[in-house]
């Protein structure tokens, strides 16, 4: 029971507690969803927002529907011939053909839709210099937000320490998504259809993991040591090899295991087991840490080695 002297203090504390609750804000970190039996992660912020003709024809069973964006180009031929080239991508699948969003540059050209399923809804919008959306799979919201999905994989080989995703400020953060796995992080990968290789971007769309002895802006570097990870803040800039990979167009999907400070020929067991292959656990001191990853996520080691040699010649 409150006394007359303690009541004002109680009311003051209560009002400040309620005030602290009132000013608390919720921040979305995105969402995980299933399309058929395939898990995807959608970032909290859309890649772009479009105003397309024909939105009213779409049937939204939820706030999002899978959709395929195709740039209309006279050299592309029919829509079906363009879409057929998407089949090799592991993020896109035919479930994204509920609707096709044609991106026009304003030249009036509209490709033939012959060969597509008759149930596919064809929409269109005109791109501008400030809005150019790459071909590939998206989720379209009822308000016109286009979200680029990440397909989620379990790290079955035990090669990663954590999955990463790029942020808008050119830094990285941990991927806030998870699917069932046995002591394995979930790795998210974007569609390769979003990227086009050029002479200046020879690794565009190539997914790579970074050994956890190299700094990535916004992410802590463990050097394979728990104490080091706990004591030091996230890196504020990329290490030289990482920056060279990014400049060449590589896509960083996570940090990979290493022995403590990458010393010795066998892991110190300070933190991690080695990666798993058919021959058993592998040493973490050398490139073995990525062997399991190579097959599943198609890491391009040759390009990474070439850039590493370039870095050594330039800065060594």
Protein backbone atom coordinates (compact mmCIF):
# COMPACT_ATOMS: atom_id res chain seq x y z
CA UNK A 1 0.00 0.00 0.00
CA UNK A 2 1.34 3.41 -0.99
CA UNK A 3 1.62 6.12 1.63
CA UNK A 4 0.74 9.74 0.97
CA UNK A 5 4.42 10.61 0.85
CA UNK A 6 5.41 7.86 -1.58
CA UNK A 7 2.50 8.36 -3.98
CA UNK A 8 3.95 11.43 -5.76
CA UNK A 9 7.25 9.61 -6.26
CA UNK A 10 5.42 6.55 -7.62
CA UNK A 11 3.41 8.70 -10.04
CA UNK A 12 6.59 10.46 -11.19
CA UNK A 13 8.33 7.14 -11.84
CA UNK A 14 5.26 5.78 -13.61
CA UNK A 15 4.97 8.79 -15.88
CA UNK A 16 8.64 8.58 -16.84
CA UNK A 17 8.36 4.84 -17.46
CA UNK A 18 5.34 5.40 -19.70
CA UNK A 19 7.18 8.19 -21.46
CA UNK A 20 10.15 5.92 -22.14
CA UNK A 21 7.80 3.31 -23.59
CA UNK A 22 6.02 5.90 -25.71
CA UNK A 23 9.21 7.10 -27.40
CA UNK A 24 10.44 3.59 -28.19
CA UNK A 25 10.30 2.93 -31.91
CA UNK A 26 10.03 -0.22 -33.97
CA UNK A 27 12.53 -0.67 -36.78
CA UNK A 28 11.87 -3.23 -39.49
CA UNK A 29 14.82 -5.42 -40.48
CA UNK A 30 13.00 -6.99 -43.41
CA UNK A 31 11.11 -10.24 -43.60
CA UNK A 32 11.55 -13.90 -44.47
CA UNK A 33 8.97 -15.62 -46.63
CA UNK A 34 8.45 -18.79 -48.63
CA UNK A 35 7.66 -18.87 -52.35
CA UNK A 36 6.62 -22.44 -52.92
CA UNK A 37 9.20 -24.40 -50.97
CA UNK A 38 12.03 -21.86 -51.43
CA UNK A 39 12.87 -19.42 -48.60
CA UNK A 40 13.64 -15.78 -49.38
CA UNK A 41 14.63 -12.71 -47.40
CA UNK A 42 13.34 -9.26 -48.35
CA UNK A 43 15.13 -6.12 -47.11
CA UNK A 44 13.12 -3.54 -45.21
CA UNK A 45 13.63 -0.91 -47.92
CA UNK A 46 12.49 -1.44 -51.52
CA UNK A 47 15.04 -1.24 -54.31
CA UNK A 48 12.73 1.17 -56.15
CA UNK A 49 9.17 2.42 -56.14
CA UNK A 50 7.32 2.41 -59.45
CA UNK A 51 3.98 3.59 -60.73
CA UNK A 52 2.91 1.07 -63.33
CA UNK A 53 -0.17 0.82 -65.47
CA UNK A 54 -2.31 -2.22 -64.78
CA UNK A 55 -1.70 -2.54 -61.03
CA UNK A 56 -5.43 -2.91 -60.52
CA UNK A 57 -5.34 -6.19 -62.50
CA UNK A 58 -3.10 -7.85 -59.92
CA UNK A 59 -4.61 -10.13 -57.33
CA UNK A 60 -2.82 -9.62 -54.01
CA UNK A 61 -3.31 -12.51 -51.60
CA UNK A 62 -0.95 -10.59 -49.30
CA UNK A 63 0.84 -7.26 -49.56
CA UNK A 64 3.44 -8.77 -51.89
CA UNK A 65 3.39 -10.68 -55.15
CA UNK A 66 6.33 -12.23 -57.06
CA UNK A 67 7.08 -10.46 -60.31
CA UNK A 68 9.74 -10.48 -63.05
CA UNK A 69 11.19 -7.23 -64.38
CA UNK A 70 12.24 -7.22 -68.04
CA UNK A 71 13.76 -4.29 -69.87
CA UNK A 72 12.10 -3.86 -73.24
CA UNK A 73 14.74 -3.74 -75.92
CA UNK A 74 14.26 -4.23 -79.69
CA UNK A 75 17.25 -6.57 -79.74
CA UNK A 76 15.78 -8.86 -77.07
CA UNK A 77 13.08 -10.45 -79.23
CA UNK A 78 9.98 -11.88 -77.56
CA UNK A 79 9.41 -11.86 -73.82
CA UNK A 80 9.55 -15.64 -73.71
CA UNK A 81 13.01 -15.69 -75.29
CA UNK A 82 14.25 -13.21 -72.70
CA UNK A 83 12.65 -15.04 -69.79
CA UNK A 84 14.09 -18.35 -70.97
CA UNK A 85 17.58 -16.97 -70.34
CA UNK A 86 16.66 -16.47 -66.67
CA UNK A 87 16.27 -20.19 -66.02
CA UNK A 88 19.95 -20.67 -65.12
CA UNK A 89 19.64 -18.26 -62.19
CA UNK A 90 19.09 -19.92 -58.81
CA UNK A 91 17.10 -17.03 -57.29
CA UNK A 92 14.58 -16.65 -60.13
CA UNK A 93 12.05 -19.38 -60.89
CA UNK A 94 8.78 -19.64 -62.79
CA UNK A 95 6.81 -18.61 -59.71
CA UNK A 96 7.97 -15.07 -60.49
CA UNK A 97 5.95 -15.21 -63.72
CA UNK A 98 2.67 -14.38 -62.00
CA UNK A 99 3.32 -10.98 -63.51
CA UNK A 100 5.92 -9.41 -65.79
CA UNK A 101 6.83 -5.76 -65.37
CA UNK A 102 8.08 -4.29 -68.65
CA UNK A 103 10.54 -1.47 -68.20
CA UNK A 104 10.48 0.89 -71.14
CA UNK A 105 12.86 3.72 -71.90
CA UNK A 106 10.03 5.71 -73.49
CA UNK A 107 10.74 4.70 -77.08
CA UNK A 108 7.32 3.11 -77.51
CA UNK A 109 8.72 -0.36 -78.17
CA UNK A 110 6.79 -3.27 -76.64
CA UNK A 111 8.13 -6.81 -77.07
CA UNK A 112 5.86 -9.65 -78.08
CA UNK A 113 4.52 -11.70 -75.18
CA UNK A 114 4.20 -14.88 -77.24
CA UNK A 115 5.23 -18.01 -75.40
CA UNK A 116 4.39 -16.79 -71.89
CA UNK A 117 1.71 -18.43 -69.81
CA UNK A 118 -1.69 -16.91 -70.59
CA UNK A 119 -2.25 -16.31 -66.89
CA UNK A 120 0.78 -14.00 -66.71
CA UNK A 121 -0.20 -10.37 -66.15
CA UNK A 122 1.82 -7.91 -68.25
CA UNK A 123 2.45 -4.49 -66.70
CA UNK A 124 4.65 -1.63 -67.84
CA UNK A 125 6.41 1.43 -66.54
CA UNK A 126 8.81 3.94 -68.03
CA UNK A 127 12.28 4.21 -66.56
CA UNK A 128 14.15 7.46 -66.20
CA UNK A 129 17.77 8.32 -65.62
CA UNK A 130 17.16 8.21 -61.88
CA UNK A 131 15.18 4.98 -62.02
CA UNK A 132 16.57 2.01 -63.89
CA UNK A 133 15.63 -1.39 -62.53
CA UNK A 134 17.76 -4.44 -63.52
CA UNK A 135 16.15 -7.52 -65.01
CA UNK A 136 15.30 -10.29 -62.61
CA UNK A 137 13.03 -11.45 -59.78
CA UNK A 138 11.31 -9.01 -57.44
CA UNK A 139 8.46 -8.83 -54.99
CA UNK A 140 6.02 -6.01 -55.73
CA UNK A 141 4.05 -4.40 -52.93
CA UNK A 142 0.57 -2.95 -53.32
CA UNK A 143 2.10 0.53 -53.02
CA UNK A 144 4.54 -0.03 -55.90
CA UNK A 145 7.64 -0.98 -53.90
CA UNK A 146 9.99 -3.36 -55.74
CA UNK A 147 12.00 -5.58 -53.39
CA UNK A 148 15.03 -7.57 -54.52
CA UNK A 149 14.86 -10.97 -52.79
CA UNK A 150 17.78 -12.91 -51.36
CA UNK A 151 17.48 -16.67 -51.72
CA UNK A 152 18.36 -18.32 -48.43
CA UNK A 153 20.67 -21.33 -48.11
CA UNK A 154 21.86 -23.14 -45.02
CA UNK A 155 25.65 -23.24 -44.70
CA UNK A 156 25.73 -27.02 -44.98
CA UNK A 157 29.53 -27.13 -45.22
CA UNK A 158 30.11 -25.01 -42.11
CA UNK A 159 32.28 -22.51 -43.97
CA UNK A 160 30.91 -19.21 -42.68
CA UNK A 161 31.02 -17.30 -39.41
CA UNK A 162 28.15 -15.03 -40.42
CA UNK A 163 26.14 -13.93 -43.44
CA UNK A 164 26.29 -10.31 -44.61
CA UNK A 165 24.22 -7.94 -46.69
CA UNK A 166 25.09 -4.50 -48.12
CA UNK A 167 23.64 -1.36 -46.56
CA UNK A 168 22.78 1.92 -48.24
CA UNK A 169 25.85 3.68 -46.78
CA UNK A 170 28.31 1.31 -48.57
CA UNK A 171 28.90 -0.68 -45.40
CA UNK A 172 27.68 -4.17 -44.48
CA UNK A 173 25.58 -5.69 -41.72
CA UNK A 174 24.65 -9.17 -40.55
CA UNK A 175 21.85 -10.75 -42.57
CA UNK A 176 18.80 -10.76 -40.22
CA UNK A 177 17.32 -14.00 -41.53
CA UNK A 178 17.45 -17.65 -40.58
CA UNK A 179 16.19 -20.99 -41.87
CA UNK A 180 16.47 -24.40 -40.18
CA UNK A 181 19.98 -25.83 -40.07
CA UNK A 182 22.27 -27.72 -37.69
CA UNK A 183 24.49 -25.07 -36.07
CA UNK A 184 24.79 -23.39 -39.45
CA UNK A 185 24.28 -19.74 -40.36
CA UNK A 186 21.85 -18.87 -43.11
CA UNK A 187 23.43 -17.38 -46.24
CA UNK A 188 21.45 -15.02 -48.47
CA UNK A 189 22.35 -14.52 -52.13
CA UNK A 190 20.95 -11.98 -54.62
CA UNK A 191 20.08 -12.88 -58.19
CA UNK A 192 22.93 -12.81 -60.68
CA UNK A 193 20.49 -11.29 -63.18
CA UNK A 194 20.88 -7.91 -61.46
CA UNK A 195 24.50 -7.62 -62.57
CA UNK A 196 26.24 -7.30 -65.95
CA UNK A 197 29.93 -8.00 -66.41
CA UNK A 198 31.92 -5.23 -68.08
CA UNK A 199 35.65 -4.64 -68.62
CA UNK A 200 35.67 -2.50 -65.48
CA UNK A 201 33.46 -4.96 -63.53
CA UNK A 202 34.79 -8.42 -64.49
CA UNK A 203 33.42 -9.97 -61.27
CA UNK A 204 29.94 -8.42 -61.48
CA UNK A 205 27.47 -10.77 -59.85
CA UNK A 206 30.12 -13.18 -58.56
CA UNK A 207 29.33 -14.20 -54.98
CA UNK A 208 32.25 -14.45 -52.62
CA UNK A 209 32.99 -15.03 -48.96
CA UNK A 210 35.72 -13.08 -47.17
CA UNK A 211 38.07 -14.82 -44.75
CA UNK A 212 37.59 -13.28 -41.32
CA UNK A 213 41.01 -11.70 -41.18
CA UNK A 214 40.05 -8.92 -43.60
CA UNK A 215 38.11 -5.82 -42.59
CA UNK A 216 34.68 -5.12 -44.07
CA UNK A 217 33.15 -1.73 -43.31
CA UNK A 218 30.44 -1.99 -40.66
CA UNK A 219 31.41 -5.51 -39.56
CA UNK A 220 33.60 -6.76 -36.72
CA UNK A 221 36.72 -8.73 -37.66
CA UNK A 222 37.35 -11.70 -35.37
CA UNK A 223 40.68 -13.00 -36.72
CA UNK A 224 39.29 -16.32 -35.52
CA UNK A 225 39.51 -15.19 -31.89
CA UNK A 226 36.55 -14.55 -29.60
CA UNK A 227 38.38 -12.11 -27.35
CA UNK A 228 39.49 -10.01 -30.33
CA UNK A 229 35.93 -9.96 -31.63
CA UNK A 230 34.62 -8.78 -28.27
CA UNK A 231 37.22 -6.08 -27.63
CA UNK A 232 37.29 -4.23 -30.95
CA UNK A 233 34.55 -2.24 -32.72
CA UNK A 234 33.33 -2.80 -36.28
CA UNK A 235 35.66 -1.77 -39.07
CA UNK A 236 35.11 1.69 -40.52
CA UNK A 237 36.52 0.91 -43.96
CA UNK A 238 37.26 -2.04 -46.21
CA UNK A 239 40.67 -3.65 -46.34
CA UNK A 240 42.51 -3.29 -49.66
CA UNK A 241 41.74 -6.81 -50.98
CA UNK A 242 38.06 -6.44 -50.09
CA UNK A 243 37.82 -3.05 -51.78
CA UNK A 244 39.46 -4.43 -54.92
CA UNK A 245 36.91 -7.21 -55.06
CA UNK A 246 34.03 -4.76 -54.62
CA UNK A 247 35.45 -2.40 -57.24
CA UNK A 248 35.51 -5.32 -59.66
CA UNK A 249 31.84 -6.03 -58.97
CA UNK A 250 32.04 -9.00 -56.59
CA UNK A 251 29.13 -9.63 -54.22
CA UNK A 252 30.11 -10.30 -50.60
CA UNK A 253 27.70 -12.75 -48.97
CA UNK A 254 29.50 -13.43 -45.69
CA UNK A 255 32.62 -13.84 -43.60
CA UNK A 256 34.36 -17.21 -43.56
CA UNK A 257 36.16 -19.22 -40.92
CA UNK A 258 39.84 -18.98 -40.17
CA UNK A 259 42.19 -20.36 -37.58
CA UNK A 260 43.19 -18.00 -34.78
CA UNK A 261 45.00 -15.07 -36.44
CA UNK A 262 45.45 -17.39 -39.47
CA UNK A 263 48.57 -18.88 -37.89
CA UNK A 264 49.83 -22.45 -38.02
CA UNK A 265 48.73 -25.26 -40.25
CA UNK A 266 46.00 -26.54 -37.95
CA UNK A 267 43.15 -24.73 -36.26
CA UNK A 268 43.57 -23.85 -32.58
CA UNK A 269 39.91 -24.73 -31.85
CA UNK A 270 39.53 -21.35 -30.15
CA UNK A 271 36.22 -20.83 -31.85
CA UNK A 272 35.32 -22.91 -34.85
CA UNK A 273 35.34 -26.40 -36.23
CA UNK A 274 36.69 -26.64 -39.72
CA UNK A 275 34.59 -26.73 -42.85
CA UNK A 276 33.13 -30.07 -43.77
CA UNK A 277 33.79 -32.01 -46.95
CA UNK A 278 33.30 -35.63 -47.93
CA UNK A 279 36.75 -36.35 -46.56
CA UNK A 280 35.92 -34.88 -43.15
CA UNK A 281 36.76 -31.64 -41.37
CA UNK A 282 39.30 -29.40 -43.07
CA UNK A 283 42.07 -27.18 -41.76
CA UNK A 284 41.18 -23.49 -41.42
CA UNK A 285 44.65 -22.07 -41.83
CA UNK A 286 44.60 -22.05 -45.61
CA UNK A 287 42.05 -21.91 -48.41
CA UNK A 288 40.41 -25.16 -47.21
CA UNK A 289 37.92 -23.04 -45.28
CA UNK A 290 36.10 -22.24 -48.49
CA UNK A 291 36.15 -25.63 -50.18
CA UNK A 292 32.59 -26.54 -49.28
CA UNK A 293 31.41 -23.09 -50.28
CA UNK A 294 32.99 -23.32 -53.70
CA UNK A 295 30.59 -25.94 -55.00
CA UNK A 296 27.35 -24.57 -53.58
CA UNK A 297 27.74 -20.86 -54.16
CA UNK A 298 30.17 -20.93 -57.09
CA UNK A 299 32.90 -18.78 -55.66
CA UNK A 300 35.31 -17.56 -58.33
CA UNK A 301 38.75 -18.16 -56.86
CA UNK A 302 40.63 -17.36 -60.05
CA UNK A 303 39.28 -13.81 -60.14
CA UNK A 304 40.00 -13.33 -56.45
CA UNK A 305 43.58 -14.57 -56.88
CA UNK A 306 44.12 -12.22 -59.82
CA UNK A 307 42.92 -9.25 -57.78
CA UNK A 308 45.03 -10.34 -54.81
CA UNK A 309 48.12 -10.42 -57.02
CA UNK A 310 47.16 -7.00 -58.35
CA UNK A 311 46.91 -5.73 -54.76
CA UNK A 312 50.31 -7.20 -53.88
CA UNK A 313 51.94 -5.61 -56.91
CA UNK A 314 50.28 -2.28 -56.23
CA UNK A 315 50.68 -2.04 -52.49
CA UNK A 316 53.31 -4.64 -51.64
